[in-house]
Amino acid sequence: MPQFTRPQPPVFERVEDERLHRKQRLAAAFRLFARFGFSEGTAGHITARDPEFTDHFWVNPFGVYFGHIRVSDLILVDREGEVVKGDRPVNRAAFAIHSQLHEARPDIVAAAHSHSLYGKTWSSLSRLLDPLTQDACAFYEDHVLFEDYRGVVLDTNEGKRIAEALGEKKAAILRNHGHLTVGYSVDEAAWWYISFERSAQAQLLAEAAGKPIPIDHDNASLAHSQVGTHSAGWFSFQPLYDRIVREEPDLLE
């Protein structure tokens, strides 16, 4: 059998190139979220840490449809919540949540949160996902439940509590709200969000149809080590990126 070396995330010599790369991935992620129906009015945000000003992050401007976002539309927000690049406002909830995630987790580059149908439905059950499928094993013992819903997150103290609950995990279920994911790249964070949404959908369908049989601990842990790594999350996003850029190349403008 021929040997195959799986591609790895790129490494950049110039910070300008890395910044552009992150912004291109970010715009593509928004287009994909729109394509998959993850938008809900003005709710939802994906952020990417700036590679030079690491306490700043790039995010979607408030009130712009995910499916219209281009690289040039993204805004840069500092640690105080001020827009330092761009001429549109930031979603207050985006700043309250993501500023605290990025501060608490210097290892992550990106975080994703929206109000997609199955994620928010699952969140109302106040349960962790079960390892029912191989895909769901990416989150096995690697996600948390944040049970204290207090309305729209507009205060950074609330964002800090979410970040503390997340800890070192890749995903959090926000009860009665939805889910969020983080990653070492935009690609990874976006993929985990998409995969979590589908895993929630699969469990809801399975439990509606009967009594699903979960994967046992040892095999769920093994599958997690195979499909739940940072590189696996990054790689899984690449076909989706190629697809959306080919179909909607204006996102790169």
Foldseek 3Di string as FASTA:
>chain_A
DDDDDFDFDDDDPDLVVVQLVQLLLQLLLLLVCVVVPQADFQWWKKWFARPPQRLKIKMAATRDRSNPAASQRIFIAHLVLDTPGHDGHHDLLCNLQVSLLCVLCVQFGMKIDTQGDLQLVLLQVQDDFFQQDLLSLLCPVQEFEAEDDDPRRRHNVVNNVVNVRNDRGAKYRYHNGGMMGTANGSQLRSQVRVSVSVSSVVVVVVVVVHDGDHDDDVVSNVSNVVCNDRRNSNSVSVVSSVVSCVVPVRNHD
